[in-house]
Protein backbone atom coordinates (compact mmCIF):
# COMPACT_ATOMS: atom_id res chain seq x y z
CA MET A 1 -14.56 17.39 -52.72
CA ALA A 2 -14.18 16.94 -56.68
CA ARG A 3 -11.21 16.03 -58.16
CA THR A 4 -9.48 18.41 -60.71
CA GLU A 5 -8.68 16.85 -63.87
CA VAL A 6 -4.70 18.56 -64.91
CA ILE A 7 -4.67 18.89 -68.95
CA LYS A 8 -1.28 19.66 -70.49
CA PHE A 9 -1.26 22.96 -72.29
CA ARG A 10 -0.38 21.97 -75.46
CA ASP A 11 -3.74 19.50 -75.36
CA PHE A 12 -5.75 21.65 -74.10
CA MET A 13 -4.71 24.73 -77.02
CA ASP A 14 -5.16 22.24 -79.66
CA GLY A 15 -8.41 19.85 -78.48
CA THR A 16 -6.93 16.76 -78.16
CA TRP A 17 -7.67 16.84 -74.48
CA ARG A 18 -11.32 15.77 -75.52
CA ILE A 19 -10.82 12.71 -77.82
CA SER A 20 -10.23 9.34 -76.74
CA ASP A 21 -6.38 7.57 -76.40
CA LYS A 22 -7.32 5.17 -79.95
CA LYS A 23 -8.31 8.78 -81.77
CA LYS A 24 -5.11 10.47 -80.32
CA GLY A 25 -2.28 7.30 -81.60
CA ASP A 26 -4.91 7.91 -84.99
CA ILE A 27 -4.00 11.56 -84.98
CA LYS A 28 0.11 11.31 -84.17
CA GLN A 29 0.31 8.72 -87.19
CA LYS A 30 -1.17 11.40 -89.34
CA GLN A 31 1.13 14.02 -88.17
CA VAL A 32 4.04 11.43 -89.03
CA VAL A 33 3.15 11.03 -92.45
CA ASP A 34 2.81 14.64 -92.65
CA ARG A 35 5.94 15.37 -91.89
CA LEU A 36 7.52 12.36 -93.82
CA VAL A 37 5.61 13.61 -96.88
CA LYS A 38 6.81 17.21 -96.48
CA ALA A 39 10.37 16.01 -95.97
CA GLY A 40 9.91 14.33 -98.98
CA ALA A 41 8.76 16.85 -101.08
CA MET A 42 11.71 18.70 -99.89
CA ILE A 43 14.92 16.27 -100.44
CA PRO A 44 14.90 17.04 -104.47
CA LEU A 45 14.64 21.01 -104.04
CA ALA A 46 17.85 20.52 -101.42
CA LEU A 47 19.66 18.19 -103.79
CA THR A 48 18.94 20.53 -107.22
CA PRO A 49 22.57 22.04 -108.11
CA ALA A 50 22.14 25.90 -108.05
CA PHE A 51 21.60 26.28 -111.71
CA HIS A 52 21.48 30.17 -111.73
CA ALA A 53 25.67 30.25 -110.26
CA SER A 54 27.99 29.62 -113.13
CA ALA A 55 31.43 29.26 -111.20
CA ALA A 56 32.63 29.98 -108.04
CA GLU A 57 34.18 33.70 -108.03
CA SER A 58 30.57 34.15 -108.90
CA VAL A 59 28.93 32.62 -105.60
CA LYS A 60 31.64 34.80 -103.68
CA THR A 61 30.75 37.83 -104.68
CA THR A 62 27.21 37.54 -104.62
CA ALA A 63 27.23 36.63 -100.68
CA SER A 64 29.85 38.86 -100.20
CA THR A 65 27.81 41.46 -101.54
CA MET A 66 24.88 40.35 -99.36
CA ILE A 67 26.76 40.41 -96.23
CA ALA A 68 27.93 43.83 -96.94
CA GLY A 69 24.28 45.16 -97.73
CA THR A 70 23.24 42.89 -94.52
CA THR A 71 26.00 44.86 -92.12
CA LEU A 72 25.57 48.24 -93.61
CA GLN A 73 21.46 47.55 -92.76
CA ILE A 74 21.96 46.20 -89.34
CA LEU A 75 24.42 49.25 -88.33
CA ALA A 76 22.25 51.94 -89.62
CA HIS A 77 18.97 50.93 -87.81
CA ALA A 78 21.16 50.00 -85.06
CA LEU A 79 20.14 53.12 -82.79
CA ASP A 80 16.46 53.25 -83.88
CA PRO A 81 15.09 52.49 -80.55
CA VAL A 82 16.95 54.95 -78.98
CA ALA A 83 15.52 57.59 -81.74
CA GLN A 84 12.39 56.11 -80.90
CA ILE A 85 12.81 56.37 -77.44
CA LEU A 86 13.97 59.83 -77.32
CA VAL A 87 10.60 60.92 -79.76
CA ALA A 88 8.13 59.41 -77.50
CA LEU A 89 10.00 61.62 -74.60
CA SER A 90 10.33 64.44 -76.14
CA LEU A 91 6.96 66.46 -75.48
CA PRO A 92 7.06 65.62 -71.85
CA ILE A 93 10.24 67.07 -71.11
CA ALA A 94 9.56 70.21 -73.65
CA SER A 95 6.19 70.06 -71.83
CA VAL A 96 8.19 70.75 -68.43
CA VAL A 97 10.82 72.96 -69.56
CA MET A 98 8.10 75.36 -71.11
CA ILE A 99 6.03 75.46 -67.87
CA GLY A 100 9.53 76.09 -66.28
CA GLY A 101 10.44 79.01 -68.47
CA CYS A 102 6.58 80.27 -67.40
CA TYR A 103 7.84 80.38 -63.65
CA PHE A 104 10.86 82.83 -64.82
CA PHE A 105 8.03 85.35 -65.68
CA LEU A 106 7.04 85.04 -62.13
CA PHE A 107 10.51 86.25 -61.15
CA GLY A 108 10.73 89.01 -63.45
CA ASN A 109 13.17 87.78 -65.66
CA SER A 110 11.42 87.77 -69.50
CA GLU A 111 14.37 87.66 -71.59
CA LYS A 112 14.89 84.23 -69.65
CA ALA A 113 11.66 82.75 -70.00
CA TRP A 114 11.19 83.85 -73.61
CA SER A 115 15.03 82.20 -74.30
CA THR A 116 13.70 78.81 -72.58
CA ILE A 117 10.36 78.83 -74.10
CA GLN A 118 11.97 79.54 -77.52
CA ASN A 119 14.81 76.66 -76.83
CA ALA A 120 12.56 74.04 -75.72
CA GLY A 121 10.22 74.66 -78.40
CA LEU A 122 13.19 74.32 -80.86
CA GLY A 123 14.06 71.44 -79.36
CA TYR A 124 11.31 69.65 -79.24
CA ILE A 125 10.57 70.12 -82.78
CA LEU A 126 14.38 69.05 -84.12
CA ILE A 127 13.76 65.89 -82.16
CA GLN A 128 10.54 65.43 -84.01
CA LEU A 129 12.34 65.71 -86.92
CA SER A 130 15.32 63.54 -86.55
CA PRO A 131 13.98 60.46 -87.97
CA LEU A 132 13.41 62.00 -91.06
CA PHE A 133 16.99 63.64 -91.03
CA ILE A 134 18.33 60.04 -90.74
CA LYS A 135 16.31 58.20 -93.37
CA VAL A 136 17.73 61.61 -95.62
CA LEU A 137 21.32 60.65 -94.55
CA GLU A 138 20.40 56.72 -95.51
CA GLN A 139 19.50 57.55 -98.44
CA VAL A 140 22.56 59.79 -99.57
CA GLY A 141 24.64 56.95 -98.57
CA LYS A 142 23.08 54.47 -100.52
CA SER A 143 23.58 56.73 -103.24
CA ILE A 144 27.15 56.81 -103.06
């Protein structure tokens, strides 16, 4: 029975399983040197002072404005997944309700049938337009 060689997933994906152990050591050294060079290039950038901030007050104002804007954006888009689910489910639900309205015709209740079909169609249209309404309200809120 043939023996199965087990290869680590990471080695398989980067192709190092085909390379000999000596060359792997060279590659690891090169990776370490690359990381050190990148870190050395970032140190001067991290140590430079912020020239755009002339006083502590301006930094506080900028930070609070940024936090407020981020918080407002998070709150404004918190219910987007729920709205997307409702939009996706609106067609199947409206179809079932309209078919149910058609059954009212079979039972001789045409007024209730037309009312049900009309309400299902109007509900479907309003649900499909709800993302547009949300965007309009968001733009009105930003302009105030």
